[in-house]
Amino acid sequence: MTAPELHPDPHPELHRELADLVVEASDGQITPGEALAEQPEPLGLLGLTSLGFVRLIQAVESRYGVVVEMDDDLSALDTVPALAGYLRERGVR
């Protein structure tokens, strides 16, 4: 009998945490599945409002201790994978 083949998790823990923050920031308008889609739509197109983006930024800053600079390229907030990359560039693992 062989061991079952293990498949790597397609959504690292950071991605899942960020998806949860997106769900909270959108008051449930965006689902975890939408945020973690293989070809994710930009969060704004999924329904994240300007207030939702503010909530998301505040939650990210609070949880990860990273200041999201408004002078930075804010396309990092477009999708969960982009946001995860932005945070990793700032030392979040």
PDB file of N, CA and C in Angstrom:
ATOM      1  N   MET A   1       0.852  -1.178   0.000  1.00  0.00           N
ATOM      2  CA  MET A   1       0.000   0.000   0.000  1.00  0.00           C
ATOM      3  C   MET A   1       0.897   1.240   0.000  1.00  0.00           C
ATOM      4  N   THR A   2       0.606   2.157  -0.875  1.00  0.00           N
ATOM      5  CA  THR A   2       1.415   3.371  -0.946  1.00  0.00           C
ATOM      6  C   THR A   2       0.710   4.500  -0.216  1.00  0.00           C
ATOM      7  N   ALA A   3       1.515   5.439   0.241  1.00  0.00           N
ATOM      8  CA  ALA A   3       0.950   6.612   0.921  1.00  0.00           C
ATOM      9  C   ALA A   3       0.221   7.476  -0.093  1.00  0.00           C
ATOM     10  N   PRO A   4      -0.851   8.126   0.311  1.00  0.00           N
ATOM     11  CA  PRO A   4      -1.556   9.011  -0.632  1.00  0.00           C
ATOM     12  C   PRO A   4      -0.644  10.156  -1.037  1.00  0.00           C
ATOM     13  N   GLU A   5      -0.765  10.513  -2.287  1.00  0.00           N
ATOM     14  CA  GLU A   5       0.034  11.629  -2.797  1.00  0.00           C
ATOM     15  C   GLU A   5      -0.419  12.921  -2.130  1.00  0.00           C
ATOM     16  N   LEU A   6       0.541  13.640  -1.609  1.00  0.00           N
ATOM     17  CA  LEU A   6       0.217  14.897  -0.953  1.00  0.00           C
ATOM     18  C   LEU A   6       0.272  16.030  -1.966  1.00  0.00           C
ATOM     19  N   HIS A   7      -0.753  16.825  -1.974  1.00  0.00           N
ATOM     20  CA  HIS A   7      -0.797  17.980  -2.860  1.00  0.00           C
ATOM     21  C   HIS A   7      -0.494  19.215  -2.039  1.00  0.00           C
ATOM     22  N   PRO A   8       0.391  20.070  -2.534  1.00  0.00           N
ATOM     23  CA  PRO A   8       0.672  21.294  -1.771  1.00  0.00           C
ATOM     24  C   PRO A   8      -0.582  22.159  -1.693  1.00  0.00           C
ATOM     25  N   ASP A   9      -0.703  22.845  -0.575  1.00  0.00           N
ATOM     26  CA  ASP A   9      -1.841  23.743  -0.373  1.00  0.00           C
ATOM     27  C   ASP A   9      -1.744  24.875  -1.389  1.00  0.00           C
ATOM     28  N   PRO A  10      -2.761  25.041  -2.244  1.00  0.00           N
ATOM     29  CA  PRO A  10      -2.679  26.104  -3.243  1.00  0.00           C
ATOM     30  C   PRO A  10      -2.815  27.501  -2.637  1.00  0.00           C
ATOM     31  N   HIS A  11      -3.241  27.563  -1.377  1.00  0.00           N
ATOM     32  CA  HIS A  11      -3.435  28.849  -0.720  1.00  0.00           C
ATOM     33  C   HIS A  11      -2.653  28.869   0.583  1.00  0.00           C
ATOM     34  N   PRO A  12      -1.458  29.443   0.546  1.00  0.00           N
ATOM     35  CA  PRO A  12      -0.667  29.518   1.774  1.00  0.00           C
ATOM     36  C   PRO A  12      -1.447  30.217   2.885  1.00  0.00           C
ATOM     37  N   GLU A  13      -1.004  29.980   4.097  1.00  0.00           N
ATOM     38  CA  GLU A  13      -1.691  30.521   5.264  1.00  0.00           C
ATOM     39  C   GLU A  13      -1.909  32.028   5.165  1.00  0.00           C
ATOM     40  N   LEU A  14      -0.898  32.767   4.699  1.00  0.00           N
ATOM     41  CA  LEU A  14      -1.040  34.216   4.570  1.00  0.00           C
ATOM     42  C   LEU A  14      -2.211  34.572   3.649  1.00  0.00           C
ATOM     43  N   HIS A  15      -2.350  33.845   2.551  1.00  0.00           N
ATOM     44  CA  HIS A  15      -3.457  34.100   1.622  1.00  0.00           C
ATOM     45  C   HIS A  15      -4.796  33.865   2.306  1.00  0.00           C
ATOM     46  N   ARG A  16      -4.894  32.772   3.078  1.00  0.00           N
ATOM     47  CA  ARG A  16      -6.160  32.476   3.763  1.00  0.00           C
ATOM     48  C   ARG A  16      -6.475  33.546   4.805  1.00  0.00           C
ATOM     49  N   GLU A  17      -5.452  34.002   5.537  1.00  0.00           N
ATOM     50  CA  GLU A  17      -5.670  35.062   6.527  1.00  0.00           C
ATOM     51  C   GLU A  17      -6.150  36.342   5.854  1.00  0.00           C
ATOM     52  N   LEU A  18      -5.519  36.689   4.739  1.00  0.00           N
ATOM     53  CA  LEU A  18      -5.914  37.898   4.020  1.00  0.00           C
ATOM     54  C   LEU A  18      -7.318  37.766   3.446  1.00  0.00           C
ATOM     55  N   ALA A  19      -7.665  36.588   2.966  1.00  0.00           N
ATOM     56  CA  ALA A  19      -9.021  36.372   2.456  1.00  0.00           C
ATOM     57  C   ALA A  19     -10.044  36.595   3.566  1.00  0.00           C
ATOM     58  N   ASP A  20      -9.724  36.128   4.768  1.00  0.00           N
ATOM     59  CA  ASP A  20     -10.630  36.362   5.902  1.00  0.00           C
ATOM     60  C   ASP A  20     -10.776  37.855   6.183  1.00  0.00           C
ATOM     61  N   LEU A  21      -9.668  38.602   6.087  1.00  0.00           N
ATOM     62  CA  LEU A  21      -9.732  40.052   6.309  1.00  0.00           C
ATOM     63  C   LEU A  21     -10.571  40.726   5.222  1.00  0.00           C
ATOM     64  N   VAL A  22     -10.472  40.238   3.999  1.00  0.00           N
ATOM     65  CA  VAL A  22     -11.268  40.786   2.894  1.00  0.00           C
ATOM     66  C   VAL A  22     -12.751  40.535   3.153  1.00  0.00           C
ATOM     67  N   VAL A  23     -13.083  39.321   3.595  1.00  0.00           N
ATOM     68  CA  VAL A  23     -14.484  38.994   3.899  1.00  0.00           C
ATOM     69  C   VAL A  23     -15.015  39.944   4.964  1.00  0.00           C
ATOM     70  N   GLU A  24     -14.227  40.156   6.023  1.00  0.00           N
ATOM     71  CA  GLU A  24     -14.652  41.067   7.096  1.00  0.00           C
ATOM     72  C   GLU A  24     -14.778  42.499   6.585  1.00  0.00           C
ATOM     73  N   ALA A  25     -13.795  42.952   5.811  1.00  0.00           N
ATOM     74  CA  ALA A  25     -13.804  44.331   5.319  1.00  0.00           C
ATOM     75  C   ALA A  25     -14.968  44.588   4.374  1.00  0.00           C
ATOM     76  N   SER A  26     -15.410  43.538   3.685  1.00  0.00           N
ATOM     77  CA  SER A  26     -16.517  43.683   2.743  1.00  0.00           C
ATOM     78  C   SER A  26     -17.865  43.360   3.374  1.00  0.00           C
ATOM     79  N   ASP A  27     -17.884  43.149   4.683  1.00  0.00           N
ATOM     80  CA  ASP A  27     -19.117  42.752   5.371  1.00  0.00           C
ATOM     81  C   ASP A  27     -19.745  41.521   4.731  1.00  0.00           C
ATOM     82  N   GLY A  28     -18.897  40.593   4.291  1.00  0.00           N
ATOM     83  CA  GLY A  28     -19.374  39.344   3.722  1.00  0.00           C
ATOM     84  C   GLY A  28     -19.789  39.407   2.270  1.00  0.00           C
ATOM     85  N   GLN A  29     -19.648  40.562   1.630  1.00  0.00           N
ATOM     86  CA  GLN A  29     -20.016  40.687   0.215  1.00  0.00           C
ATOM     87  C   GLN A  29     -19.087  39.884  -0.691  1.00  0.00           C
ATOM     88  N   ILE A  30     -17.839  39.718  -0.237  1.00  0.00           N
ATOM     89  CA  ILE A  30     -16.861  38.924  -0.974  1.00  0.00           C
ATOM     90  C   ILE A  30     -16.640  37.650  -0.172  1.00  0.00           C
ATOM     91  N   THR A  31     -16.707  36.507  -0.830  1.00  0.00           N
ATOM     92  CA  THR A  31     -16.518  35.230  -0.147  1.00  0.00           C
ATOM     93  C   THR A  31     -15.039  34.842  -0.154  1.00  0.00           C
ATOM     94  N   PRO A  32     -14.641  33.953   0.747  1.00  0.00           N
ATOM     95  CA  PRO A  32     -13.260  33.475   0.715  1.00  0.00           C
ATOM     96  C   PRO A  32     -12.917  32.852  -0.640  1.00  0.00           C
ATOM     97  N   GLY A  33     -13.858  32.126  -1.215  1.00  0.00           N
ATOM     98  CA  GLY A  33     -13.617  31.508  -2.520  1.00  0.00           C
ATOM     99  C   GLY A  33     -13.338  32.529  -3.607  1.00  0.00           C
ATOM    100  N   GLU A  34     -14.062  33.632  -3.586  1.00  0.00           N
ATOM    101  CA  GLU A  34     -13.820  34.691  -4.577  1.00  0.00           C
ATOM    102  C   GLU A  34     -12.447  35.316  -4.356  1.00  0.00           C
ATOM    103  N   ALA A  35     -12.101  35.557  -3.099  1.00  0.00           N
ATOM    104  CA  ALA A  35     -10.820  36.191  -2.786  1.00  0.00           C
ATOM    105  C   ALA A  35      -9.648  35.280  -3.115  1.00  0.00           C
ATOM    106  N   LEU A  36      -9.863  33.958  -3.045  1.00  0.00           N
ATOM    107  CA  LEU A  36      -8.785  32.996  -3.266  1.00  0.00           C
ATOM    108  C   LEU A  36      -8.862  32.315  -4.631  1.00  0.00           C
ATOM    109  N   ALA A  37      -9.693  32.822  -5.523  1.00  0.00           N
ATOM    110  CA  ALA A  37      -9.851  32.207  -6.845  1.00  0.00           C
ATOM    111  C   ALA A  37      -8.510  32.116  -7.561  1.00  0.00           C
ATOM    112  N   GLU A  38      -8.384  31.096  -8.389  1.00  0.00           N
ATOM    113  CA  GLU A  38      -7.145  30.893  -9.132  1.00  0.00           C
ATOM    114  C   GLU A  38      -6.819  32.104 -10.010  1.00  0.00           C
ATOM    115  N   GLN A  39      -7.829  32.677 -10.604  1.00  0.00           N
ATOM    116  CA  GLN A  39      -7.699  33.903 -11.397  1.00  0.00           C
ATOM    117  C   GLN A  39      -8.560  34.971 -10.722  1.00  0.00           C
ATOM    118  N   PRO A  40      -8.081  35.537  -9.603  1.00  0.00           N
ATOM    119  CA  PRO A  40      -8.935  36.444  -8.827  1.00  0.00           C
ATOM    120  C   PRO A  40      -9.254  37.744  -9.555  1.00  0.00           C
ATOM    121  N   GLU A  41     -10.487  38.157  -9.407  1.00  0.00           N
ATOM    122  CA  GLU A  41     -10.908  39.465  -9.905  1.00  0.00           C
ATOM    123  C   GLU A  41     -10.386  40.515  -8.930  1.00  0.00           C
ATOM    124  N   PRO A  42     -10.129  41.735  -9.394  1.00  0.00           N
ATOM    125  CA  PRO A  42      -9.770  42.799  -8.451  1.00  0.00           C
ATOM    126  C   PRO A  42     -10.867  42.966  -7.396  1.00  0.00           C
ATOM    127  N   LEU A  43     -10.441  43.233  -6.180  1.00  0.00           N
ATOM    128  CA  LEU A  43     -11.391  43.335  -5.068  1.00  0.00           C
ATOM    129  C   LEU A  43     -12.457  44.395  -5.322  1.00  0.00           C
ATOM    130  N   GLY A  44     -12.097  45.480  -5.978  1.00  0.00           N
ATOM    131  CA  GLY A  44     -13.076  46.515  -6.303  1.00  0.00           C
ATOM    132  C   GLY A  44     -14.163  45.992  -7.224  1.00  0.00           C
ATOM    133  N   LEU A  45     -13.793  45.138  -8.174  1.00  0.00           N
ATOM    134  CA  LEU A  45     -14.792  44.561  -9.079  1.00  0.00           C
ATOM    135  C   LEU A  45     -15.659  43.526  -8.378  1.00  0.00           C
ATOM    136  N   LEU A  46     -15.115  42.931  -7.316  1.00  0.00           N
ATOM    137  CA  LEU A  46     -15.894  41.969  -6.540  1.00  0.00           C
ATOM    138  C   LEU A  46     -16.864  42.660  -5.581  1.00  0.00           C
ATOM    139  N   GLY A  47     -16.725  43.978  -5.437  1.00  0.00           N
ATOM    140  CA  GLY A  47     -17.666  44.718  -4.601  1.00  0.00           C
ATOM    141  C   GLY A  47     -17.071  45.395  -3.382  1.00  0.00           C
ATOM    142  N   LEU A  48     -15.742  45.359  -3.227  1.00  0.00           N
ATOM    143  CA  LEU A  48     -15.147  46.045  -2.080  1.00  0.00           C
ATOM    144  C   LEU A  48     -15.223  47.552  -2.314  1.00  0.00           C
ATOM    145  N   THR A  49     -15.910  48.226  -1.422  1.00  0.00           N
ATOM    146  CA  THR A  49     -16.113  49.670  -1.539  1.00  0.00           C
ATOM    147  C   THR A  49     -14.897  50.428  -1.019  1.00  0.00           C
ATOM    148  N   SER A  50     -14.916  51.740  -1.178  1.00  0.00           N
ATOM    149  CA  SER A  50     -13.809  52.556  -0.664  1.00  0.00           C
ATOM    150  C   SER A  50     -13.712  52.412   0.856  1.00  0.00           C
ATOM    151  N   LEU A  51     -14.851  52.346   1.534  1.00  0.00           N
ATOM    152  CA  LEU A  51     -14.838  52.113   2.977  1.00  0.00           C
ATOM    153  C   LEU A  51     -14.265  50.736   3.279  1.00  0.00           C
ATOM    154  N   GLY A  52     -14.596  49.772   2.463  1.00  0.00           N
ATOM    155  CA  GLY A  52     -14.053  48.425   2.622  1.00  0.00           C
ATOM    156  C   GLY A  52     -12.546  48.406   2.476  1.00  0.00           C
ATOM    157  N   PHE A  53     -12.025  49.171   1.514  1.00  0.00           N
ATOM    158  CA  PHE A  53     -10.575  49.251   1.344  1.00  0.00           C
ATOM    159  C   PHE A  53      -9.923  49.878   2.577  1.00  0.00           C
ATOM    160  N   VAL A  54     -10.556  50.904   3.133  1.00  0.00           N
ATOM    161  CA  VAL A  54     -10.020  51.529   4.354  1.00  0.00           C
ATOM    162  C   VAL A  54      -9.999  50.508   5.489  1.00  0.00           C
ATOM    163  N   ARG A  55     -11.092  49.761   5.623  1.00  0.00           N
ATOM    164  CA  ARG A  55     -11.150  48.722   6.665  1.00  0.00           C
ATOM    165  C   ARG A  55     -10.072  47.667   6.449  1.00  0.00           C
ATOM    166  N   LEU A  56      -9.886  47.274   5.204  1.00  0.00           N
ATOM    167  CA  LEU A  56      -8.873  46.266   4.890  1.00  0.00           C
ATOM    168  C   LEU A  56      -7.481  46.775   5.234  1.00  0.00           C
ATOM    169  N   ILE A  57      -7.180  48.006   4.856  1.00  0.00           N
ATOM    170  CA  ILE A  57      -5.870  48.583   5.165  1.00  0.00           C
ATOM    171  C   ILE A  57      -5.663  48.635   6.676  1.00  0.00           C
ATOM    172  N   GLN A  58      -6.657  49.075   7.406  1.00  0.00           N
ATOM    173  CA  GLN A  58      -6.541  49.150   8.866  1.00  0.00           C
ATOM    174  C   GLN A  58      -6.329  47.764   9.467  1.00  0.00           C
ATOM    175  N   ALA A  59      -7.053  46.780   8.974  1.00  0.00           N
ATOM    176  CA  ALA A  59      -6.919  45.417   9.499  1.00  0.00           C
ATOM    177  C   ALA A  59      -5.537  44.849   9.199  1.00  0.00           C
ATOM    178  N   VAL A  60      -5.042  45.086   7.988  1.00  0.00           N
ATOM    179  CA  VAL A  60      -3.712  44.603   7.603  1.00  0.00           C
ATOM    180  C   VAL A  60      -2.649  45.272   8.470  1.00  0.00           C
ATOM    181  N   GLU A  61      -2.751  46.574   8.635  1.00  0.00           N
ATOM    182  CA  GLU A  61      -1.776  47.298   9.448  1.00  0.00           C
ATOM    183  C   GLU A  61      -1.787  46.802  10.889  1.00  0.00           C
ATOM    184  N   SER A  62      -2.967  46.592  11.432  1.00  0.00           N
ATOM    185  CA  SER A  62      -3.094  46.138  12.813  1.00  0.00           C
ATOM    186  C   SER A  62      -2.565  44.712  12.985  1.00  0.00           C
ATOM    187  N   ARG A  63      -2.948  43.832  12.092  1.00  0.00           N
ATOM    188  CA  ARG A  63      -2.579  42.417  12.229  1.00  0.00           C
ATOM    189  C   ARG A  63      -1.105  42.160  11.964  1.00  0.00           C
ATOM    190  N   TYR A  64      -0.537  42.831  10.964  1.00  0.00           N
ATOM    191  CA  TYR A  64       0.825  42.514  10.538  1.00  0.00           C
ATOM    192  C   TYR A  64       1.855  43.568  10.924  1.00  0.00           C
ATOM    193  N   GLY A  65       1.417  44.674  11.525  1.00  0.00           N
ATOM    194  CA  GLY A  65       2.355  45.695  11.954  1.00  0.00           C
ATOM    195  C   GLY A  65       3.072  46.383  10.808  1.00  0.00           C
ATOM    196  N   VAL A  66       2.416  46.427   9.665  1.00  0.00           N
ATOM    197  CA  VAL A  66       2.981  47.055   8.465  1.00  0.00           C
ATOM    198  C   VAL A  66       2.138  48.273   8.126  1.00  0.00           C
ATOM    199  N   VAL A  67       2.792  49.375   7.855  1.00  0.00           N
ATOM    200  CA  VAL A  67       2.069  50.572   7.439  1.00  0.00           C
ATOM    201  C   VAL A  67       1.936  50.541   5.919  1.00  0.00           C
ATOM    202  N   VAL A  68       0.702  50.604   5.440  1.00  0.00           N
ATOM    203  CA  VAL A  68       0.453  50.655   4.002  1.00  0.00           C
ATOM    204  C   VAL A  68       0.594  52.113   3.593  1.00  0.00           C
ATOM    205  N   GLU A  69       1.658  52.397   2.890  1.00  0.00           N
ATOM    206  CA  GLU A  69       1.940  53.767   2.469  1.00  0.00           C
ATOM    207  C   GLU A  69       1.037  54.134   1.296  1.00  0.00           C
ATOM    208  N   MET A  70       0.325  55.217   1.438  1.00  0.00           N
ATOM    209  CA  MET A  70      -0.577  55.642   0.368  1.00  0.00           C
ATOM    210  C   MET A  70       0.192  56.140  -0.847  1.00  0.00           C
ATOM    211  N   ASP A  71       1.495  56.414  -0.674  1.00  0.00           N
ATOM    212  CA  ASP A  71       2.328  56.817  -1.802  1.00  0.00           C
ATOM    213  C   ASP A  71       2.803  55.611  -2.607  1.00  0.00           C
ATOM    214  N   ASP A  72       2.663  54.402  -2.030  1.00  0.00           N
ATOM    215  CA  ASP A  72       3.067  53.188  -2.724  1.00  0.00           C
ATOM    216  C   ASP A  72       2.100  52.904  -3.870  1.00  0.00           C
ATOM    217  N   ASP A  73       2.492  51.982  -4.709  1.00  0.00           N
ATOM    218  CA  ASP A  73       1.621  51.516  -5.784  1.00  0.00           C
ATOM    219  C   ASP A  73       0.493  50.716  -5.134  1.00  0.00           C
ATOM    220  N   LEU A  74      -0.695  51.265  -5.112  1.00  0.00           N
ATOM    221  CA  LEU A  74      -1.800  50.620  -4.417  1.00  0.00           C
ATOM    222  C   LEU A  74      -2.444  49.497  -5.221  1.00  0.00           C
ATOM    223  N   SER A  75      -1.861  49.153  -6.367  1.00  0.00           N
ATOM    224  CA  SER A  75      -2.356  47.983  -7.088  1.00  0.00           C
ATOM    225  C   SER A  75      -2.083  46.725  -6.270  1.00  0.00           C
ATOM    226  N   ALA A  76      -1.237  46.849  -5.234  1.00  0.00           N
ATOM    227  CA  ALA A  76      -1.001  45.729  -4.323  1.00  0.00           C
ATOM    228  C   ALA A  76      -2.269  45.364  -3.567  1.00  0.00           C
ATOM    229  N   LEU A  77      -3.241  46.249  -3.558  1.00  0.00           N
ATOM    230  CA  LEU A  77      -4.504  45.966  -2.880  1.00  0.00           C
ATOM    231  C   LEU A  77      -5.546  45.367  -3.821  1.00  0.00           C
ATOM    232  N   ASP A  78      -5.177  45.123  -5.071  1.00  0.00           N
ATOM    233  CA  ASP A  78      -6.145  44.632  -6.054  1.00  0.00           C
ATOM    234  C   ASP A  78      -6.642  43.225  -5.765  1.00  0.00           C
ATOM    235  N   THR A  79      -5.737  42.342  -5.355  1.00  0.00           N
ATOM    236  CA  THR A  79      -6.092  40.942  -5.129  1.00  0.00           C
ATOM    237  C   THR A  79      -5.378  40.431  -3.881  1.00  0.00           C
ATOM    238  N   VAL A  80      -5.847  39.314  -3.355  1.00  0.00           N
ATOM    239  CA  VAL A  80      -5.191  38.703  -2.200  1.00  0.00           C
ATOM    240  C   VAL A  80      -3.744  38.314  -2.534  1.00  0.00           C
ATOM    241  N   PRO A  81      -3.466  37.671  -3.679  1.00  0.00           N
ATOM    242  CA  PRO A  81      -2.070  37.346  -3.976  1.00  0.00           C
ATOM    243  C   PRO A  81      -1.174  38.595  -4.088  1.00  0.00           C
ATOM    244  N   ALA A  82      -1.696  39.668  -4.659  1.00  0.00           N
ATOM    245  CA  ALA A  82      -0.911  40.901  -4.765  1.00  0.00           C
ATOM    246  C   ALA A  82      -0.638  41.481  -3.386  1.00  0.00           C
ATOM    247  N   LEU A  83      -1.629  41.455  -2.521  1.00  0.00           N
ATOM    248  CA  LEU A  83      -1.463  41.969  -1.166  1.00  0.00           C
ATOM    249  C   LEU A  83      -0.474  41.104  -0.389  1.00  0.00           C
ATOM    250  N   ALA A  84      -0.545  39.791  -0.561  1.00  0.00           N
ATOM    251  CA  ALA A  84       0.412  38.898   0.098  1.00  0.00           C
ATOM    252  C   ALA A  84       1.833  39.213  -0.369  1.00  0.00           C
ATOM    253  N   GLY A  85       2.012  39.459  -1.665  1.00  0.00           N
ATOM    254  CA  GLY A  85       3.336  39.824  -2.181  1.00  0.00           C
ATOM    255  C   GLY A  85       3.828  41.133  -1.588  1.00  0.00           C
ATOM    256  N   TYR A  86       2.938  42.098  -1.470  1.00  0.00           N
ATOM    257  CA  TYR A  86       3.269  43.404  -0.877  1.00  0.00           C
ATOM    258  C   TYR A  86       3.761  43.207   0.555  1.00  0.00           C
ATOM    259  N   LEU A  87       3.042  42.372   1.312  1.00  0.00           N
ATOM    260  CA  LEU A  87       3.424  42.140   2.705  1.00  0.00           C
ATOM    261  C   LEU A  87       4.729  41.370   2.810  1.00  0.00           C
ATOM    262  N   ARG A  88       4.929  40.403   1.942  1.00  0.00           N
ATOM    263  CA  ARG A  88       6.183  39.633   1.967  1.00  0.00           C
ATOM    264  C   ARG A  88       7.376  40.527   1.667  1.00  0.00           C
ATOM    265  N   GLU A  89       7.196  41.488   0.760  1.00  0.00           N
ATOM    266  CA  GLU A  89       8.281  42.434   0.466  1.00  0.00           C
ATOM    267  C   GLU A  89       8.642  43.257   1.695  1.00  0.00           C
ATOM    268  N   ARG A  90       7.725  43.343   2.635  1.00  0.00           N
ATOM    269  CA  ARG A  90       7.937  44.118   3.857  1.00  0.00           C
ATOM    270  C   ARG A  90       8.235  43.218   5.057  1.00  0.00           C
ATOM    271  N   GLY A  91       8.591  41.972   4.774  1.00  0.00           N
ATOM    272  CA  GLY A  91       9.059  41.074   5.813  1.00  0.00           C
ATOM    273  C   GLY A  91       8.031  40.188   6.491  1.00  0.00           C
ATOM    274  N   VAL A  92       6.776  40.235   6.048  1.00  0.00           N
ATOM    275  CA  VAL A  92       5.754  39.382   6.638  1.00  0.00           C
ATOM    276  C   VAL A  92       5.875  37.992   6.010  1.00  0.00           C
ATOM    277  N   ARG A  93       5.827  36.993   6.840  1.00  0.00           N
ATOM    278  CA  ARG A  93       5.928  35.598   6.339  1.00  0.00           C
ATOM    279  C   ARG A  93       4.694  34.844   6.625  1.00  0.00           C
TER     280      ARG A  93
END
